[in-house]
Amino acid sequence: MFLRLVADSFSRRPRHKLLTGAALALGMAVATAALSVSLDVGDRLSHEFRSLGANLLVTPQADTLPLEIGGVDYRPINAGAYLPESDLPKIKTVFWHNNIIGFAPTLETSILVSAYPLPVNQFPTIHADGKLIGTWASHPVRLPDGTEYPTGIAKTNPWWRVEGAWFQDGAEECVVGHKLAEKLSAEIPAQVAGSHLKIGDTLYVYADSSVNRESGAHPVALRITGILDTGGPEDDAVVAPLPIAQRLAGKSGQYRTLYVSALTKPEDDFARRSPATMTPDELERWSCTPYVSSIAHSIQEVLPGSDVRVIRRVAEGEGRILTRVRTLLWLVTLAALLAAALAVGASSAAAVIERRSEIGLMKALGAGSGMVGFLLAAEQLLLAVVGGAVGYALGIFLARLVGEKIFGVAPQPSLLVFVVIVGLATTVTLLGSALPLRRAARYEPAPILRGE
């Protein structure tokens, strides 16, 4: 009989129930889309943020005192100690190895350059802003498990634009900063064939050292494979394979700095605490969360003699943007739930007024206030489940549109989100109907049956 009464209520007022269900479904659809994107936005934005470049910098622990202003390292390029290149495969053995998406060692050395061959003992006058940057472009790293992991500067510094192509790591090749290319073109004598430096030409690089000056000029001839544009000091430098820089600097098998790009979780107050002040349980929680500081700690443990620092400009920028995006999504969800609650409350109040005579008759026949309230609540809960399910389906469609437009990848449906949405629909319905149901439970049958 109870189920029959509930079904009869829906059949006698289909339009009223349809409007209420539509309002509830729309509110749950917005909530579903916001929650689906919010759960997925962290990983998506982390991948997008990697276009900002590396967020970890590894340097020798025995280095000179740090001189960092605004996240920029102003120490001399040749100052301090060096780290062994042979230890780099260990980076992919740390606990968070899957979060490390790229790393590239660099070694800078002072050079002189010329766009055409010079006689022995004659040196060029262009200093390339004093440096050649040796690094990996796309280098396969042999890992301890026998597999190869391709990495390089193209992953850690994806904003570097190369007109042409990157050099091959085992070849006598290089890319030249566009500002340096302009300087070299201006220095080429008019009588030299091809007075404009271009891709495919040969660049002659000389080690700028007193030893080299005393023993004579012995240039390294590098074929230019591309022109580099970074918007930074690299535009006035030569970027070549790491072995070239090691040879010119006399630092075989060593590097100066290491850039690491890792997927991380935005840091909170807990993440910024020193591990030395944590209890064992807190340390375990900190170590098992992909904070940029915990990943840095893991890398430092496998690279002896290294100092791993967080590039705060990148890490903090990621955290602020991600926090604001998630806050916006939660505000949208809250607004949608509030609108749905108001719609359900208005509908429920109208239904109670319309069914005033029916409620009075039920009480006159012996139904108590609890039974009347339970009947009306059951109707609303059934409406909540149907509206929540329909809203979830619409929300997944909306989330796919938003995900594809913003991130290029749609979030996947989640059973957790479905359960949460049905629960929210139930909660919103009960909260919105609370006052009308309380009013219905207080109706006295006699005045109603008398028409008062």
Protein backbone atom coordinates (compact mmCIF):
# COMPACT_ATOMS: atom_id res chain seq x y z
CA MET A 1 0.00 0.00 0.00
CA PHE A 2 2.85 2.37 0.86
CA LEU A 3 4.53 1.88 -2.53
CA ARG A 4 1.16 2.29 -4.23
CA LEU A 5 0.65 5.64 -2.53
CA VAL A 6 4.09 6.80 -3.64
CA ALA A 7 3.53 5.67 -7.23
CA ASP A 8 0.06 7.27 -7.27
CA SER A 9 1.59 10.58 -6.18
CA PHE A 10 3.93 10.55 -9.18
CA SER A 11 1.21 9.54 -11.65
CA ARG A 12 -1.19 12.27 -10.51
CA ARG A 13 1.36 15.10 -10.63
CA PRO A 14 3.79 14.22 -13.47
CA ARG A 15 4.41 17.80 -14.57
CA HIS A 16 5.15 18.98 -11.06
CA LYS A 17 7.53 16.07 -10.42
CA LEU A 18 9.18 16.53 -13.82
CA LEU A 19 10.00 20.17 -13.14
CA THR A 20 11.41 19.32 -9.72
CA GLY A 21 13.42 16.44 -11.14
CA ALA A 22 14.74 18.64 -13.95
CA ALA A 23 15.92 21.30 -11.50
CA LEU A 24 17.58 18.64 -9.38
CA ALA A 25 19.16 16.95 -12.40
CA LEU A 26 20.60 20.21 -13.72
CA GLY A 27 22.10 21.05 -10.33
CA MET A 28 23.62 17.55 -10.05
CA ALA A 29 24.89 17.78 -13.64
CA VAL A 30 26.88 20.92 -12.83
CA ALA A 31 28.12 19.34 -9.61
CA THR A 32 29.14 16.16 -11.46
CA ALA A 33 31.05 18.10 -14.11
CA ALA A 34 32.81 20.24 -11.51
CA LEU A 35 33.74 17.27 -9.32
CA SER A 36 34.92 15.16 -12.27
CA VAL A 37 37.13 17.95 -13.57
CA SER A 38 38.33 18.79 -10.04
CA LEU A 39 39.45 15.20 -9.41
CA ASP A 40 41.22 15.13 -12.76
CA VAL A 41 42.51 18.70 -12.86
CA GLY A 42 45.52 18.05 -10.62
CA ASP A 43 47.15 15.52 -12.94
CA ARG A 44 46.17 17.44 -16.07
CA LEU A 45 47.52 20.74 -14.81
CA SER A 46 50.67 19.04 -13.56
CA HIS A 47 51.34 17.81 -17.09
CA GLU A 48 50.51 21.25 -18.50
CA PHE A 49 52.78 22.94 -15.96
CA ARG A 50 55.72 20.91 -17.18
CA SER A 51 55.81 23.35 -20.09
CA LEU A 52 57.09 25.82 -17.48
CA GLY A 53 60.26 23.77 -17.27
CA ALA A 54 62.14 21.93 -14.55
CA ASN A 55 61.08 22.39 -10.94
CA LEU A 56 64.17 20.84 -9.30
CA LEU A 57 67.82 21.86 -9.57
CA VAL A 58 70.66 19.55 -8.54
CA THR A 59 74.11 21.01 -7.81
CA PRO A 60 77.22 19.74 -5.98
CA GLN A 61 76.88 19.85 -2.21
CA ALA A 62 80.49 21.03 -1.92
CA ASP A 63 79.69 24.02 -4.08
CA THR A 64 80.27 27.64 -3.25
CA LEU A 65 77.80 29.47 -1.04
CA PRO A 66 74.44 29.82 -2.80
CA LEU A 67 73.66 33.15 -4.40
CA GLU A 68 70.05 32.99 -5.49
CA ILE A 69 67.83 36.02 -6.06
CA GLY A 70 64.24 35.58 -7.16
CA GLY A 71 64.87 31.94 -8.07
CA VAL A 72 67.79 32.80 -10.38
CA ASP A 73 71.25 31.35 -9.58
CA TYR A 74 73.92 34.05 -9.95
CA ARG A 75 76.95 31.95 -9.04
CA PRO A 76 79.86 31.82 -11.53
CA ILE A 77 79.41 29.04 -14.07
CA ASN A 78 82.79 27.45 -13.35
CA ALA A 79 82.69 27.81 -9.57
CA GLY A 80 82.61 24.86 -7.22
CA ALA A 81 82.67 21.10 -7.62
CA TYR A 82 81.21 18.70 -10.18
CA LEU A 83 79.06 15.57 -10.07
CA PRO A 84 79.62 12.24 -11.85
CA GLU A 85 77.46 11.58 -14.89
CA SER A 86 77.50 7.85 -14.09
CA ASP A 87 75.14 8.37 -11.11
CA LEU A 88 72.30 9.82 -13.18
CA PRO A 89 70.47 6.51 -13.89
CA LYS A 90 69.86 6.23 -10.12
CA ILE A 91 67.29 9.03 -10.37
CA LYS A 92 64.83 6.59 -11.95
CA THR A 93 65.19 4.20 -9.01
CA VAL A 94 63.70 6.49 -6.35
CA PHE A 95 60.24 5.85 -4.87
CA TRP A 96 58.71 8.57 -7.07
CA HIS A 97 60.48 7.46 -10.28
CA ASN A 98 57.21 7.45 -12.23
CA ASN A 99 56.68 11.14 -11.35
CA ILE A 100 60.05 12.14 -12.82
CA ILE A 101 59.30 12.87 -16.47
CA GLY A 102 62.68 14.25 -17.50
CA PHE A 103 66.14 15.34 -16.40
CA ALA A 104 69.10 16.91 -18.17
CA PRO A 105 72.64 17.54 -16.91
CA THR A 106 74.45 20.68 -18.03
CA LEU A 107 78.05 21.79 -18.02
CA GLU A 108 79.03 25.33 -18.99
CA THR A 109 82.50 26.31 -20.11
CA SER A 110 84.05 29.51 -21.39
CA ILE A 111 84.73 29.53 -25.15
CA LEU A 112 85.61 31.62 -28.16
CA VAL A 113 83.84 31.03 -31.47
CA SER A 114 84.28 31.75 -35.13
CA ALA A 115 82.05 31.13 -38.14
CA TYR A 116 85.05 30.41 -40.39
CA PRO A 117 88.43 28.69 -39.90
CA LEU A 118 91.29 30.80 -38.58
CA PRO A 119 95.07 30.32 -38.91
CA VAL A 120 96.88 28.46 -36.13
CA ASN A 121 97.59 30.60 -33.04
CA GLN A 122 94.94 33.12 -34.10
CA PHE A 123 91.88 33.35 -31.86
CA PRO A 124 88.43 34.73 -32.65
CA THR A 125 87.17 37.82 -30.90
CA ILE A 126 83.61 36.70 -30.18
CA HIS A 127 83.21 35.17 -26.73
CA ALA A 128 79.65 33.80 -27.09
CA ASP A 129 78.82 35.58 -23.84
CA GLY A 130 81.53 33.43 -22.28
CA LYS A 131 79.91 30.02 -22.44
CA LEU A 132 79.16 26.83 -24.26
CA ILE A 133 76.37 24.82 -22.64
CA GLY A 134 76.83 21.09 -22.84
CA THR A 135 73.70 19.01 -22.27
CA TRP A 136 71.56 16.16 -23.55
CA ALA A 137 69.08 16.85 -26.34
CA SER A 138 67.41 13.44 -26.45
CA HIS A 139 69.63 10.96 -24.67
CA PRO A 140 68.81 7.30 -23.89
CA VAL A 141 69.80 6.56 -20.29
CA ARG A 142 70.52 2.93 -19.46
CA LEU A 143 68.68 2.15 -16.21
CA PRO A 144 69.75 -0.43 -13.61
CA ASP A 145 66.93 -2.78 -14.71
CA GLY A 146 68.35 -2.89 -18.25
CA THR A 147 65.76 -0.65 -19.90
CA GLU A 148 66.44 2.66 -21.60
CA TYR A 149 64.85 5.95 -20.62
CA PRO A 150 64.99 8.78 -23.20
CA THR A 151 65.41 12.21 -21.64
CA GLY A 152 67.08 15.54 -22.22
CA ILE A 153 66.77 19.30 -22.31
CA ALA A 154 63.77 19.10 -24.66
CA LYS A 155 61.78 17.60 -21.74
CA THR A 156 63.05 19.83 -18.94
CA ASN A 157 63.00 23.07 -20.97
CA PRO A 158 60.16 22.57 -23.47
CA TRP A 159 59.81 26.31 -24.10
CA TRP A 160 63.19 26.39 -25.86
CA ARG A 161 62.37 26.83 -29.54
CA VAL A 162 64.76 25.52 -32.16
CA GLU A 163 64.55 26.56 -35.78
CA GLY A 164 65.86 23.47 -37.51
CA ALA A 165 66.58 20.47 -35.27
CA TRP A 166 68.36 19.51 -32.08
CA PHE A 167 71.82 18.01 -32.33
CA GLN A 168 72.52 14.29 -32.02
CA ASP A 169 74.07 13.57 -28.63
CA GLY A 170 76.96 11.57 -30.05
CA ALA A 171 77.75 13.87 -32.96
CA GLU A 172 79.94 16.94 -33.49
CA GLU A 173 76.91 19.21 -33.76
CA CYS A 174 75.36 22.17 -31.95
CA VAL A 175 72.57 24.72 -31.89
CA VAL A 176 73.39 28.42 -31.74
CA GLY A 177 71.50 31.14 -29.90
CA HIS A 178 69.90 33.53 -32.35
CA LYS A 179 71.66 36.59 -30.86
CA LEU A 180 75.04 34.91 -31.20
CA ALA A 181 74.19 33.90 -34.76
CA GLU A 182 73.57 37.55 -35.60
CA LYS A 183 76.91 38.57 -34.07
CA LEU A 184 78.76 35.87 -35.98
CA SER A 185 77.11 36.82 -39.25
CA ALA A 186 78.23 40.43 -38.78
CA GLU A 187 81.83 39.30 -38.12
CA ILE A 188 82.16 37.12 -41.23
CA PRO A 189 84.37 38.89 -43.82
CA ALA A 190 82.63 39.83 -47.02
CA GLN A 191 85.11 37.78 -49.07
CA VAL A 192 84.18 34.57 -47.22
CA ALA A 193 81.63 32.54 -49.19
CA GLY A 194 78.21 32.56 -47.52
CA SER A 195 78.61 35.61 -45.30
CA HIS A 196 75.39 34.83 -43.37
CA LEU A 197 75.47 32.10 -40.70
CA LYS A 198 72.83 29.47 -41.36
CA ILE A 199 71.79 25.93 -40.50
CA GLY A 200 74.24 23.44 -41.94
CA ASP A 201 77.28 25.72 -41.59
CA THR A 202 80.27 24.82 -39.43
CA LEU A 203 81.02 26.64 -36.20
CA TYR A 204 84.59 26.65 -34.85
CA VAL A 205 84.71 26.55 -31.06
CA TYR A 206 87.89 27.29 -29.07
CA ALA A 207 88.45 26.63 -25.38
CA ASP A 208 89.03 30.02 -23.77
CA SER A 209 91.90 29.06 -21.43
CA SER A 210 95.48 30.09 -20.81
CA VAL A 211 96.67 26.53 -21.52
CA ASN A 212 95.04 26.56 -24.92
CA ARG A 213 96.49 29.98 -25.74
CA GLU A 214 100.01 28.80 -24.94
CA SER A 215 99.80 25.55 -26.89
CA GLY A 216 98.05 26.96 -29.94
CA ALA A 217 94.51 27.10 -31.24
CA HIS A 218 92.83 23.70 -31.59
CA PRO A 219 89.19 24.37 -32.46
CA VAL A 220 86.34 21.90 -32.36
CA ALA A 221 84.34 22.05 -35.58
CA LEU A 222 80.61 21.72 -34.91
CA ARG A 223 77.91 21.52 -37.56
CA ILE A 224 75.02 23.86 -36.82
CA THR A 225 71.72 21.96 -36.77
CA GLY A 226 69.45 24.72 -35.47
CA ILE A 227 69.06 28.28 -34.23
CA LEU A 228 67.93 28.53 -30.61
CA ASP A 229 65.45 31.04 -29.14
CA THR A 230 64.81 30.87 -25.38
CA GLY A 231 64.32 34.50 -24.38
CA GLY A 232 67.20 34.04 -21.91
CA PRO A 233 71.00 34.10 -21.80
CA GLU A 234 71.14 30.95 -23.93
CA ASP A 235 70.30 33.14 -26.96
CA ASP A 236 73.89 34.39 -26.79
CA ALA A 237 75.50 30.98 -26.31
CA VAL A 238 76.29 27.70 -28.03
CA VAL A 239 74.44 24.58 -26.89
CA ALA A 240 76.19 21.32 -27.77
CA PRO A 241 76.31 17.67 -26.65
CA LEU A 242 77.57 17.17 -23.10
CA PRO A 243 80.76 15.30 -24.18
CA ILE A 244 81.82 18.35 -26.22
CA ALA A 245 81.62 20.61 -23.15
CA GLN A 246 83.37 18.00 -21.01
CA ARG A 247 86.22 17.83 -23.52
CA LEU A 248 86.62 21.61 -23.73
CA ALA A 249 86.41 22.04 -19.95
CA GLY A 250 88.59 19.03 -19.15
CA LYS A 251 85.83 17.49 -17.01
CA SER A 252 85.35 14.05 -18.54
CA GLY A 253 82.26 12.21 -17.24
CA GLN A 254 81.14 15.14 -15.07
CA TYR A 255 78.43 17.75 -15.06
CA ARG A 256 77.81 20.98 -13.17
CA THR A 257 74.04 21.20 -12.72
CA LEU A 258 71.08 18.92 -13.29
CA TYR A 259 67.57 20.06 -14.16
CA VAL A 260 64.74 17.71 -13.14
CA SER A 261 61.11 17.97 -14.17
CA ALA A 262 58.70 16.07 -11.89
CA LEU A 263 54.94 15.78 -11.47
CA THR A 264 54.14 17.01 -7.98
CA LYS A 265 51.33 17.83 -5.57
CA PRO A 266 51.07 21.49 -4.51
CA GLU A 267 52.80 22.05 -1.19
CA ASP A 268 50.85 22.92 1.95
CA ASP A 269 52.03 23.91 5.44
CA PHE A 270 52.75 20.27 6.28
CA ALA A 271 54.93 19.82 3.19
CA ARG A 272 57.04 22.85 4.09
CA ARG A 273 58.05 21.41 7.46
CA SER A 274 61.55 20.09 7.93
CA PRO A 275 61.71 16.26 7.90
CA ALA A 276 64.00 16.46 10.95
CA THR A 277 61.11 17.82 13.06
CA MET A 278 58.59 15.14 12.02
CA THR A 279 57.51 12.09 13.96
CA PRO A 280 57.96 8.68 12.25
CA ASP A 281 54.30 8.64 11.19
CA GLU A 282 54.49 12.19 9.83
CA LEU A 283 57.72 11.40 7.99
CA GLU A 284 56.12 8.37 6.37
CA ARG A 285 53.10 10.43 5.31
CA TRP A 286 55.41 13.16 3.93
CA SER A 287 57.57 10.63 2.07
CA CYS A 288 54.52 8.92 0.54
CA THR A 289 53.08 12.15 -0.86
CA PRO A 290 54.51 13.53 -4.14
CA TYR A 291 55.44 16.92 -2.72
CA VAL A 292 58.25 18.57 -4.64
CA SER A 293 60.28 18.65 -1.40
CA SER A 294 59.85 14.91 -0.76
CA ILE A 295 60.87 14.09 -4.34
CA ALA A 296 63.90 16.35 -3.91
CA HIS A 297 64.79 14.47 -0.71
CA SER A 298 64.54 11.12 -2.53
CA ILE A 299 66.82 12.31 -5.34
CA GLN A 300 69.40 13.66 -2.90
CA GLU A 301 69.55 10.26 -1.20
CA VAL A 302 70.59 8.47 -4.44
CA LEU A 303 73.00 11.14 -5.71
CA PRO A 304 75.93 11.28 -3.26
CA GLY A 305 77.41 14.72 -2.71
CA SER A 306 74.48 16.50 -4.33
CA ASP A 307 72.29 19.36 -3.15
CA VAL A 308 68.74 19.26 -4.55
CA ARG A 309 66.88 22.55 -4.47
CA VAL A 310 63.33 23.39 -5.44
CA ILE A 311 62.90 26.03 -8.13
CA ARG A 312 60.32 27.94 -6.11
CA ARG A 313 59.11 30.20 -8.90
CA VAL A 314 57.84 27.16 -10.80
CA ALA A 315 56.64 25.04 -7.86
CA GLU A 316 54.81 27.85 -6.06
CA GLY A 317 53.27 29.10 -9.30
CA GLU A 318 51.88 25.63 -9.97
CA GLY A 319 50.46 25.42 -6.46
CA ARG A 320 48.75 28.82 -6.61
CA ILE A 321 47.14 28.18 -9.98
CA LEU A 322 45.96 24.69 -9.06
CA THR A 323 44.53 25.91 -5.75
CA ARG A 324 42.63 28.71 -7.44
CA VAL A 325 41.23 26.43 -10.14
CA ARG A 326 40.05 23.91 -7.58
CA THR A 327 38.56 26.68 -5.42
CA LEU A 328 36.62 27.96 -8.42
CA LEU A 329 35.31 24.47 -9.18
CA TRP A 330 34.22 23.98 -5.57
CA LEU A 331 32.43 27.35 -5.58
CA VAL A 332 30.61 26.36 -8.79
CA THR A 333 29.63 23.06 -7.16
CA LEU A 334 28.38 24.83 -4.04
CA ALA A 335 26.34 27.28 -6.12
CA ALA A 336 24.79 24.43 -8.11
CA LEU A 337 23.86 22.54 -4.93
CA LEU A 338 22.37 25.67 -3.37
CA ALA A 339 20.28 26.34 -6.46
CA ALA A 340 19.07 22.73 -6.49
CA ALA A 341 18.16 22.91 -2.79
CA LEU A 342 16.14 26.09 -3.33
CA ALA A 343 14.32 24.55 -6.29
CA VAL A 344 13.50 21.39 -4.34
CA GLY A 345 12.39 23.44 -1.33
CA ALA A 346 10.04 25.58 -3.42
CA SER A 347 8.63 22.52 -5.16
CA SER A 348 8.16 20.65 -1.91
CA ALA A 349 6.42 23.61 -0.29
CA ALA A 350 4.01 23.90 -3.24
CA ALA A 351 3.32 20.15 -3.12
CA VAL A 352 2.49 20.27 0.59
CA ILE A 353 0.05 23.15 0.05
CA GLU A 354 -1.62 21.37 -2.87
CA ARG A 355 -1.96 18.14 -0.90
CA ARG A 356 -3.24 19.80 2.27
CA SER A 357 -6.64 18.11 2.01
CA GLU A 358 -5.04 14.74 1.29
CA ILE A 359 -2.79 15.07 4.32
CA GLY A 360 -5.73 16.03 6.52
CA LEU A 361 -7.73 13.02 5.32
CA MET A 362 -4.80 10.66 5.97
CA LYS A 363 -4.48 11.95 9.53
CA ALA A 364 -8.24 11.68 10.06
CA LEU A 365 -8.05 8.01 9.05
CA GLY A 366 -5.40 7.35 11.68
CA ALA A 367 -2.06 8.16 10.02
CA GLY A 368 0.35 9.74 12.43
CA SER A 369 2.61 12.72 11.75
CA GLY A 370 5.59 10.37 11.36
CA MET A 371 3.83 8.26 8.73
CA VAL A 372 2.77 11.33 6.76
CA GLY A 373 6.27 12.78 6.92
CA PHE A 374 7.81 9.44 5.92
CA LEU A 375 5.50 9.15 2.91
CA LEU A 376 6.34 12.62 1.68
CA ALA A 377 10.06 12.07 2.34
CA ALA A 378 10.00 8.77 0.43
CA GLU A 379 8.55 10.57 -2.58
CA GLN A 380 11.30 13.18 -2.42
CA LEU A 381 14.04 10.56 -1.96
CA LEU A 382 12.83 8.61 -4.99
CA LEU A 383 12.90 11.85 -6.93
CA ALA A 384 16.43 12.51 -5.59
CA VAL A 385 17.77 9.14 -6.77
CA VAL A 386 16.26 9.54 -10.25
CA GLY A 387 17.35 13.18 -10.52
CA GLY A 388 20.85 12.35 -9.24
CA ALA A 389 21.29 9.53 -11.76
CA VAL A 390 20.08 11.66 -14.65
CA GLY A 391 22.22 14.57 -13.44
CA TYR A 392 25.28 12.31 -13.26
CA ALA A 393 24.79 11.21 -16.88
CA LEU A 394 24.39 14.82 -18.04
CA GLY A 395 27.34 15.91 -15.89
CA ILE A 396 29.66 13.30 -17.43
CA PHE A 397 28.77 14.62 -20.87
CA LEU A 398 29.41 18.20 -19.70
CA ALA A 399 32.69 17.16 -18.04
CA ARG A 400 33.88 15.57 -21.29
CA LEU A 401 33.17 18.79 -23.17
CA VAL A 402 35.02 20.89 -20.58
CA GLY A 403 37.93 18.45 -20.33
CA GLU A 404 38.43 18.23 -24.08
CA LYS A 405 38.21 22.00 -24.55
CA ILE A 406 40.65 22.88 -21.73
CA PHE A 407 43.00 19.90 -21.45
CA GLY A 408 42.43 18.03 -24.71
CA VAL A 409 41.54 14.88 -22.72
CA ALA A 410 38.14 14.09 -21.21
CA PRO A 411 37.94 12.85 -17.58
CA GLN A 412 36.85 9.25 -17.19
CA PRO A 413 33.56 8.32 -15.47
CA SER A 414 34.04 7.41 -11.83
CA LEU A 415 31.93 5.19 -9.59
CA LEU A 416 33.05 7.29 -6.64
CA VAL A 417 31.65 10.44 -8.26
CA PHE A 418 28.36 8.64 -9.00
CA VAL A 419 27.96 7.58 -5.36
CA VAL A 420 28.87 11.08 -4.17
CA ILE A 421 26.39 12.72 -6.57
CA VAL A 422 23.52 10.44 -5.52
CA GLY A 423 24.41 11.14 -1.90
CA LEU A 424 24.49 14.88 -2.56
CA ALA A 425 21.16 14.71 -4.38
CA THR A 426 19.65 12.90 -1.39
CA THR A 427 21.12 15.39 1.07
CA VAL A 428 20.05 18.41 -0.96
CA THR A 429 16.53 17.02 -1.33
CA LEU A 430 16.14 16.31 2.37
CA LEU A 431 17.52 19.71 3.36
CA GLY A 432 15.33 21.52 0.83
CA SER A 433 12.22 19.60 1.92
CA ALA A 434 12.85 19.78 5.66
CA LEU A 435 10.71 22.84 6.39
CA PRO A 436 7.73 21.86 4.14
CA LEU A 437 7.74 18.32 5.58
CA ARG A 438 7.79 19.70 9.12
CA ARG A 439 4.86 21.94 8.25
CA ALA A 440 2.93 18.99 6.80
CA ALA A 441 3.56 16.92 9.92
CA ARG A 442 1.99 19.68 12.07
CA TYR A 443 -1.26 19.89 10.12
CA GLU A 444 -4.39 19.19 12.19
CA PRO A 445 -7.04 17.19 10.32
CA ALA A 446 -10.17 18.85 11.75
CA PRO A 447 -9.60 22.42 10.46
CA ILE A 448 -8.55 21.05 7.07
CA LEU A 449 -11.67 18.87 6.70
CA ARG A 450 -13.84 21.82 7.73
CA GLY A 451 -12.30 23.78 4.86
CA GLU A 452 -10.53 26.27 7.09
